[in-house]
Amino acid sequence: MDTRTAPRWIRDRKKGYERSCASWEGNTLLGMLGLPGCWLYSVIHGTATAQSSGAALFLCVAGLIGLGLLRPFRRARRYEMAARILEAAIARYEVSPERPDATLTEADERACEVLRVARIRTAPAWVMEKRRRYEVKILARFGPAVLALALLAACVLLRWRWVGQGRGVFVILLPVALAIQAGFMARRLGAARAILGVAIDRYEYEATATEGTLEEADQRASEALDGR
């Protein structure tokens, strides 16, 4: 069977996506292990006072928030998916001489959609407002935990002397307990918000998505909110 080699531009682009995937995976690993590792190091070596433990906990929470905002794992998966799309297109192109170059161009466009390079359209106001309401309700659930974390940060930064060993442990454990409680209370809201978020993301960046995609997601979000 006659074979041919795919153009250099698409092979280089695939390699670039693979490198980006590995980079974001490395960032995820460092973020997940680095900050908790500092805390464990202080505990193992016996230097974990109430203040140092509070500082470590605050840094861990800040790091986890940063991971949540940057979403390196999701970015890594998108680059991996884009690389696989180009890899499959290159393989089909090279073993089938009759395939036109447009096959590679279409695959590149699909990979760009997966990477969310350019927004195709904007989601309707009704679905954006519904997702915003879910987010506000989730933030309200986590309000007490955020206040407790702010108290912990003030204790660490200002070195409040009234925080003794007993009170220090309470100040450290309070935001953890409140966050766990808030996470349990907001689990359905989080699921509904995630369903709408994925649908909005698809609608704005993927050509195949339609308003029916949003309506279906809205229905599934309502069911998740009701616990069905």
C-alpha atoms as a PDB file:
ATOM      1  CA  MET A   1       0.000   0.000   0.000  1.00  0.00           C
ATOM      2  CA  ASP A   2       1.296   3.440  -0.934  1.00  0.00           C
ATOM      3  CA  THR A   3       1.846   5.791   1.979  1.00  0.00           C
ATOM      4  CA  ARG A   4       2.663   9.444   2.279  1.00  0.00           C
ATOM      5  CA  THR A   5       3.867  11.734   5.038  1.00  0.00           C
ATOM      6  CA  ALA A   6       1.612  14.319   6.599  1.00  0.00           C
ATOM      7  CA  PRO A   7       2.716  17.960   6.330  1.00  0.00           C
ATOM      8  CA  ARG A   8       5.217  19.166   8.887  1.00  0.00           C
ATOM      9  CA  TRP A   9       2.894  21.825  10.315  1.00  0.00           C
ATOM     10  CA  ILE A  10       0.343  19.344  11.623  1.00  0.00           C
ATOM     11  CA  ARG A  11       2.976  16.949  12.973  1.00  0.00           C
ATOM     12  CA  ASP A  12       4.642  19.834  14.836  1.00  0.00           C
ATOM     13  CA  ARG A  13       1.278  20.971  16.165  1.00  0.00           C
ATOM     14  CA  LYS A  14       0.527  17.484  17.493  1.00  0.00           C
ATOM     15  CA  LYS A  15       3.893  17.369  19.258  1.00  0.00           C
ATOM     16  CA  GLY A  16       3.221  20.804  20.722  1.00  0.00           C
ATOM     17  CA  TYR A  17      -0.109  19.623  22.116  1.00  0.00           C
ATOM     18  CA  GLU A  18       1.573  16.594  23.668  1.00  0.00           C
ATOM     19  CA  ARG A  19       4.214  18.795  25.320  1.00  0.00           C
ATOM     20  CA  SER A  20       1.526  21.118  26.667  1.00  0.00           C
ATOM     21  CA  CYS A  21      -0.385  18.132  28.046  1.00  0.00           C
ATOM     22  CA  ALA A  22       2.710  16.870  29.879  1.00  0.00           C
ATOM     23  CA  SER A  23       3.395  20.370  31.229  1.00  0.00           C
ATOM     24  CA  TRP A  24      -0.108  20.812  32.653  1.00  0.00           C
ATOM     25  CA  GLU A  25      -0.018  17.316  34.148  1.00  0.00           C
ATOM     26  CA  GLY A  26       3.239  18.212  35.879  1.00  0.00           C
ATOM     27  CA  ASN A  27       1.715  21.422  37.233  1.00  0.00           C
ATOM     28  CA  THR A  28      -1.217  19.429  38.602  1.00  0.00           C
ATOM     29  CA  LEU A  29       1.084  16.973  40.370  1.00  0.00           C
ATOM     30  CA  LEU A  30       3.221  19.718  41.890  1.00  0.00           C
ATOM     31  CA  GLY A  31       0.162  21.616  43.043  1.00  0.00           C
ATOM     32  CA  MET A  32      -1.443  18.578  44.656  1.00  0.00           C
ATOM     33  CA  LEU A  33       1.704  17.323  46.397  1.00  0.00           C
ATOM     34  CA  GLY A  34       3.830  20.390  47.011  1.00  0.00           C
ATOM     35  CA  LEU A  35       1.853  22.345  49.603  1.00  0.00           C
ATOM     36  CA  PRO A  36       0.544  19.377  51.645  1.00  0.00           C
ATOM     37  CA  GLY A  37       4.103  18.049  51.576  1.00  0.00           C
ATOM     38  CA  CYS A  38       5.354  21.182  53.351  1.00  0.00           C
ATOM     39  CA  TRP A  39       2.798  20.646  56.095  1.00  0.00           C
ATOM     40  CA  LEU A  40       3.704  16.975  56.512  1.00  0.00           C
ATOM     41  CA  TYR A  41       7.397  17.890  56.626  1.00  0.00           C
ATOM     42  CA  SER A  42       6.803  20.263  59.521  1.00  0.00           C
ATOM     43  CA  VAL A  43       4.747  17.632  61.369  1.00  0.00           C
ATOM     44  CA  ILE A  44       7.321  14.867  60.870  1.00  0.00           C
ATOM     45  CA  HIS A  45      10.144  17.038  62.174  1.00  0.00           C
ATOM     46  CA  GLY A  46       8.161  18.150  65.194  1.00  0.00           C
ATOM     47  CA  THR A  47       8.004  21.832  64.307  1.00  0.00           C
ATOM     48  CA  ALA A  48       4.259  22.025  63.785  1.00  0.00           C
ATOM     49  CA  THR A  49       3.017  24.543  66.342  1.00  0.00           C
ATOM     50  CA  ALA A  50      -0.537  25.831  66.177  1.00  0.00           C
ATOM     51  CA  GLN A  51       0.688  28.854  64.249  1.00  0.00           C
ATOM     52  CA  SER A  52       2.878  26.956  61.769  1.00  0.00           C
ATOM     53  CA  SER A  53       0.129  24.386  61.204  1.00  0.00           C
ATOM     54  CA  GLY A  54      -2.342  27.185  60.601  1.00  0.00           C
ATOM     55  CA  ALA A  55      -0.007  28.798  58.095  1.00  0.00           C
ATOM     56  CA  ALA A  56       0.468  25.473  56.316  1.00  0.00           C
ATOM     57  CA  LEU A  57      -3.284  24.880  56.193  1.00  0.00           C
ATOM     58  CA  PHE A  58      -3.880  28.367  54.830  1.00  0.00           C
ATOM     59  CA  LEU A  59      -1.264  27.821  52.109  1.00  0.00           C
ATOM     60  CA  CYS A  60      -2.782  24.453  51.216  1.00  0.00           C
ATOM     61  CA  VAL A  61      -6.255  25.965  50.870  1.00  0.00           C
ATOM     62  CA  ALA A  62      -4.868  28.850  48.800  1.00  0.00           C
ATOM     63  CA  GLY A  63      -3.065  26.353  46.581  1.00  0.00           C
ATOM     64  CA  LEU A  64      -6.185  24.259  46.089  1.00  0.00           C
ATOM     65  CA  ILE A  65      -8.161  27.388  45.192  1.00  0.00           C
ATOM     66  CA  GLY A  66      -5.473  28.252  42.671  1.00  0.00           C
ATOM     67  CA  LEU A  67      -5.711  24.768  41.177  1.00  0.00           C
ATOM     68  CA  GLY A  68      -9.470  25.168  40.983  1.00  0.00           C
ATOM     69  CA  LEU A  69      -9.147  28.447  39.105  1.00  0.00           C
ATOM     70  CA  LEU A  70      -6.391  27.348  36.734  1.00  0.00           C
ATOM     71  CA  ARG A  71      -7.828  23.837  36.261  1.00  0.00           C
ATOM     72  CA  PRO A  72      -4.533  22.355  35.047  1.00  0.00           C
ATOM     73  CA  PHE A  73      -5.904  18.799  34.944  1.00  0.00           C
ATOM     74  CA  ARG A  74      -8.758  19.831  32.650  1.00  0.00           C
ATOM     75  CA  ARG A  75      -6.337  21.749  30.434  1.00  0.00           C
ATOM     76  CA  ALA A  76      -4.090  18.691  30.249  1.00  0.00           C
ATOM     77  CA  ARG A  77      -7.008  16.489  29.187  1.00  0.00           C
ATOM     78  CA  ARG A  78      -7.988  18.980  26.477  1.00  0.00           C
ATOM     79  CA  TYR A  79      -4.468  19.046  25.053  1.00  0.00           C
ATOM     80  CA  GLU A  80      -4.376  15.252  25.169  1.00  0.00           C
ATOM     81  CA  MET A  81      -7.696  15.028  23.301  1.00  0.00           C
ATOM     82  CA  ALA A  82      -6.516  17.563  20.709  1.00  0.00           C
ATOM     83  CA  ALA A  83      -3.296  15.609  20.160  1.00  0.00           C
ATOM     84  CA  ARG A  84      -5.262  12.356  19.706  1.00  0.00           C
ATOM     85  CA  ILE A  85      -7.563  14.040  17.155  1.00  0.00           C
ATOM     86  CA  LEU A  86      -4.563  15.148  15.092  1.00  0.00           C
ATOM     87  CA  GLU A  87      -2.848  11.782  15.529  1.00  0.00           C
ATOM     88  CA  ALA A  88      -5.885   9.923  14.163  1.00  0.00           C
ATOM     89  CA  ALA A  89      -6.215  12.350  11.252  1.00  0.00           C
ATOM     90  CA  ILE A  90      -2.508  12.012  10.414  1.00  0.00           C
ATOM     91  CA  ALA A  91      -2.740   8.217  10.473  1.00  0.00           C
ATOM     92  CA  ARG A  92      -5.756   8.189   8.143  1.00  0.00           C
ATOM     93  CA  TYR A  93      -4.120  10.732   5.839  1.00  0.00           C
ATOM     94  CA  GLU A  94      -0.866   8.780   5.529  1.00  0.00           C
ATOM     95  CA  VAL A  95      -2.383   5.367   4.804  1.00  0.00           C
ATOM     96  CA  SER A  96      -5.057   6.648   2.392  1.00  0.00           C
ATOM     97  CA  PRO A  97      -3.484   8.530  -0.524  1.00  0.00           C
ATOM     98  CA  GLU A  98      -6.922   9.518  -1.836  1.00  0.00           C
ATOM     99  CA  ARG A  99      -7.716  11.586   1.250  1.00  0.00           C
ATOM    100  CA  PRO A 100      -7.440  15.338   0.550  1.00  0.00           C
ATOM    101  CA  ASP A 101      -5.467  17.834   2.626  1.00  0.00           C
ATOM    102  CA  ALA A 102      -8.792  19.206   3.838  1.00  0.00           C
ATOM    103  CA  THR A 103      -8.961  16.165   6.132  1.00  0.00           C
ATOM    104  CA  LEU A 104      -6.086  17.580   8.139  1.00  0.00           C
ATOM    105  CA  THR A 105      -7.548  21.075   8.134  1.00  0.00           C
ATOM    106  CA  GLU A 106     -10.865  19.799   9.464  1.00  0.00           C
ATOM    107  CA  ALA A 107      -9.076  17.840  12.189  1.00  0.00           C
ATOM    108  CA  ASP A 108      -7.116  20.938  13.139  1.00  0.00           C
ATOM    109  CA  GLU A 109     -10.336  22.929  13.426  1.00  0.00           C
ATOM    110  CA  ARG A 110     -11.848  20.216  15.613  1.00  0.00           C
ATOM    111  CA  ALA A 111      -8.750  20.247  17.825  1.00  0.00           C
ATOM    112  CA  CYS A 112      -9.070  24.029  18.180  1.00  0.00           C
ATOM    113  CA  GLU A 113     -12.677  23.566  19.278  1.00  0.00           C
ATOM    114  CA  VAL A 114     -11.562  21.061  21.918  1.00  0.00           C
ATOM    115  CA  LEU A 115      -8.915  23.508  23.171  1.00  0.00           C
ATOM    116  CA  ARG A 116     -11.472  26.342  23.311  1.00  0.00           C
ATOM    117  CA  VAL A 117      -9.228  28.600  21.220  1.00  0.00           C
ATOM    118  CA  ALA A 118     -11.929  30.879  19.801  1.00  0.00           C
ATOM    119  CA  ARG A 119     -15.517  31.385  20.926  1.00  0.00           C
ATOM    120  CA  ILE A 120     -17.956  30.689  18.096  1.00  0.00           C
ATOM    121  CA  ARG A 121     -21.006  32.258  19.744  1.00  0.00           C
ATOM    122  CA  THR A 122     -22.266  33.436  23.115  1.00  0.00           C
ATOM    123  CA  ALA A 123     -24.682  31.400  25.200  1.00  0.00           C
ATOM    124  CA  PRO A 124     -28.191  32.851  25.734  1.00  0.00           C
ATOM    125  CA  ALA A 125     -28.762  35.080  28.744  1.00  0.00           C
ATOM    126  CA  TRP A 126     -31.234  32.705  30.404  1.00  0.00           C
ATOM    127  CA  VAL A 127     -28.748  29.866  30.815  1.00  0.00           C
ATOM    128  CA  MET A 128     -25.959  32.197  31.896  1.00  0.00           C
ATOM    129  CA  GLU A 129     -28.226  33.687  34.560  1.00  0.00           C
ATOM    130  CA  LYS A 130     -29.250  30.247  35.799  1.00  0.00           C
ATOM    131  CA  ARG A 131     -25.627  29.165  36.158  1.00  0.00           C
ATOM    132  CA  ARG A 132     -24.864  32.440  37.967  1.00  0.00           C
ATOM    133  CA  ARG A 133     -27.661  31.774  40.454  1.00  0.00           C
ATOM    134  CA  TYR A 134     -26.227  28.344  41.182  1.00  0.00           C
ATOM    135  CA  GLU A 135     -22.791  29.882  41.767  1.00  0.00           C
ATOM    136  CA  VAL A 136     -24.171  32.512  44.146  1.00  0.00           C
ATOM    137  CA  LYS A 137     -25.969  29.847  46.176  1.00  0.00           C
ATOM    138  CA  ILE A 138     -22.792  27.748  46.347  1.00  0.00           C
ATOM    139  CA  LEU A 139     -20.784  30.740  47.556  1.00  0.00           C
ATOM    140  CA  ALA A 140     -23.431  31.410  50.189  1.00  0.00           C
ATOM    141  CA  ARG A 141     -23.017  27.859  51.495  1.00  0.00           C
ATOM    142  CA  PHE A 142     -19.256  28.362  51.793  1.00  0.00           C
ATOM    143  CA  GLY A 143     -19.543  31.821  53.369  1.00  0.00           C
ATOM    144  CA  PRO A 144     -18.975  30.664  56.996  1.00  0.00           C
ATOM    145  CA  ALA A 145     -15.954  28.578  55.945  1.00  0.00           C
ATOM    146  CA  VAL A 146     -14.464  31.575  54.122  1.00  0.00           C
ATOM    147  CA  LEU A 147     -14.923  33.761  57.218  1.00  0.00           C
ATOM    148  CA  ALA A 148     -13.278  31.117  59.388  1.00  0.00           C
ATOM    149  CA  LEU A 149     -10.395  30.891  56.914  1.00  0.00           C
ATOM    150  CA  ALA A 150     -10.036  34.678  57.039  1.00  0.00           C
ATOM    151  CA  LEU A 151      -9.830  34.448  60.836  1.00  0.00           C
ATOM    152  CA  LEU A 152      -7.124  31.810  60.493  1.00  0.00           C
ATOM    153  CA  ALA A 153      -5.188  34.013  58.063  1.00  0.00           C
ATOM    154  CA  ALA A 154      -5.429  36.967  60.493  1.00  0.00           C
ATOM    155  CA  CYS A 155      -4.143  34.804  63.343  1.00  0.00           C
ATOM    156  CA  VAL A 156      -1.187  33.685  61.260  1.00  0.00           C
ATOM    157  CA  LEU A 157      -0.295  37.070  59.782  1.00  0.00           C
ATOM    158  CA  LEU A 158      -0.853  39.194  62.895  1.00  0.00           C
ATOM    159  CA  ARG A 159       0.562  36.583  65.303  1.00  0.00           C
ATOM    160  CA  TRP A 160      -2.274  37.019  67.796  1.00  0.00           C
ATOM    161  CA  ARG A 161      -0.953  35.999  71.187  1.00  0.00           C
ATOM    162  CA  TRP A 162      -4.359  35.080  72.571  1.00  0.00           C
ATOM    163  CA  VAL A 163      -4.405  32.062  70.266  1.00  0.00           C
ATOM    164  CA  GLY A 164      -2.926  29.466  72.589  1.00  0.00           C
ATOM    165  CA  GLN A 165      -2.518  25.787  71.943  1.00  0.00           C
ATOM    166  CA  GLY A 166      -6.177  24.944  72.613  1.00  0.00           C
ATOM    167  CA  ARG A 167      -7.625  27.918  70.786  1.00  0.00           C
ATOM    168  CA  GLY A 168      -5.127  27.499  67.964  1.00  0.00           C
ATOM    169  CA  VAL A 169      -6.326  23.968  67.254  1.00  0.00           C
ATOM    170  CA  PHE A 170      -9.922  25.225  67.254  1.00  0.00           C
ATOM    171  CA  VAL A 171      -9.109  28.058  64.834  1.00  0.00           C
ATOM    172  CA  ILE A 172      -7.344  25.584  62.523  1.00  0.00           C
ATOM    173  CA  LEU A 173     -10.068  22.932  62.563  1.00  0.00           C
ATOM    174  CA  LEU A 174     -13.003  25.334  62.309  1.00  0.00           C
ATOM    175  CA  PRO A 175     -12.617  26.227  58.584  1.00  0.00           C
ATOM    176  CA  VAL A 176     -12.034  22.553  57.763  1.00  0.00           C
ATOM    177  CA  ALA A 177     -15.219  21.476  59.524  1.00  0.00           C
ATOM    178  CA  LEU A 178     -17.263  24.300  57.983  1.00  0.00           C
ATOM    179  CA  ALA A 179     -15.891  23.558  54.501  1.00  0.00           C
ATOM    180  CA  ILE A 180     -16.827  19.879  54.807  1.00  0.00           C
ATOM    181  CA  GLN A 181     -20.324  20.826  55.948  1.00  0.00           C
ATOM    182  CA  ALA A 182     -20.685  23.357  53.115  1.00  0.00           C
ATOM    183  CA  GLY A 183     -19.472  20.829  50.555  1.00  0.00           C
ATOM    184  CA  PHE A 184     -22.093  18.355  51.716  1.00  0.00           C
ATOM    185  CA  MET A 185     -24.839  21.009  51.595  1.00  0.00           C
ATOM    186  CA  ALA A 186     -23.805  22.307  48.161  1.00  0.00           C
ATOM    187  CA  ARG A 187     -23.180  18.977  46.416  1.00  0.00           C
ATOM    188  CA  ARG A 188     -26.407  19.087  44.374  1.00  0.00           C
ATOM    189  CA  LEU A 189     -25.917  22.729  43.462  1.00  0.00           C
ATOM    190  CA  GLY A 190     -22.380  21.898  42.368  1.00  0.00           C
ATOM    191  CA  ALA A 191     -23.600  19.043  40.182  1.00  0.00           C
ATOM    192  CA  ALA A 192     -26.254  21.251  38.549  1.00  0.00           C
ATOM    193  CA  ARG A 193     -23.759  24.051  37.995  1.00  0.00           C
ATOM    194  CA  ALA A 194     -21.258  21.626  36.446  1.00  0.00           C
ATOM    195  CA  ILE A 195     -23.864  20.262  34.022  1.00  0.00           C
ATOM    196  CA  LEU A 196     -24.761  23.755  32.816  1.00  0.00           C
ATOM    197  CA  GLY A 197     -21.107  24.769  32.658  1.00  0.00           C
ATOM    198  CA  VAL A 198     -20.200  21.889  30.362  1.00  0.00           C
ATOM    199  CA  ALA A 199     -23.178  22.589  28.098  1.00  0.00           C
ATOM    200  CA  ILE A 200     -22.394  26.312  27.901  1.00  0.00           C
ATOM    201  CA  ASP A 201     -18.781  25.508  27.123  1.00  0.00           C
ATOM    202  CA  ARG A 202     -19.823  23.202  24.297  1.00  0.00           C
ATOM    203  CA  TYR A 203     -22.350  25.673  22.901  1.00  0.00           C
ATOM    204  CA  GLU A 204     -19.855  28.530  22.800  1.00  0.00           C
ATOM    205  CA  TYR A 205     -16.925  26.617  21.310  1.00  0.00           C
ATOM    206  CA  GLU A 206     -18.252  23.627  19.374  1.00  0.00           C
ATOM    207  CA  ALA A 207     -19.968  24.054  16.019  1.00  0.00           C
ATOM    208  CA  THR A 208     -22.093  20.925  16.459  1.00  0.00           C
ATOM    209  CA  ALA A 209     -23.753  22.149  19.683  1.00  0.00           C
ATOM    210  CA  THR A 210     -27.183  23.795  19.474  1.00  0.00           C
ATOM    211  CA  GLU A 211     -29.649  25.452  21.825  1.00  0.00           C
ATOM    212  CA  GLY A 212     -31.164  22.022  22.250  1.00  0.00           C
ATOM    213  CA  THR A 213     -27.919  21.068  23.983  1.00  0.00           C
ATOM    214  CA  LEU A 214     -28.547  23.827  26.531  1.00  0.00           C
ATOM    215  CA  GLU A 215     -32.177  22.886  27.052  1.00  0.00           C
ATOM    216  CA  GLU A 216     -31.274  19.246  27.608  1.00  0.00           C
ATOM    217  CA  ALA A 217     -28.551  20.268  30.075  1.00  0.00           C
ATOM    218  CA  ASP A 218     -31.012  22.521  31.906  1.00  0.00           C
ATOM    219  CA  GLN A 219     -33.357  19.573  32.321  1.00  0.00           C
ATOM    220  CA  ARG A 220     -30.585  17.342  33.635  1.00  0.00           C
ATOM    221  CA  ALA A 221     -29.415  20.111  35.996  1.00  0.00           C
ATOM    222  CA  SER A 222     -32.929  20.412  37.438  1.00  0.00           C
ATOM    223  CA  GLU A 223     -33.046  16.665  37.964  1.00  0.00           C
ATOM    224  CA  ALA A 224     -29.652  16.720  39.686  1.00  0.00           C
ATOM    225  CA  LEU A 225     -30.838  19.541  41.927  1.00  0.00           C
ATOM    226  CA  ASP A 226     -33.884  17.494  42.915  1.00  0.00           C
ATOM    227  CA  GLY A 227     -31.699  14.469  43.624  1.00  0.00           C
ATOM    228  CA  ARG A 228     -33.137  12.363  40.831  1.00  0.00           C
END
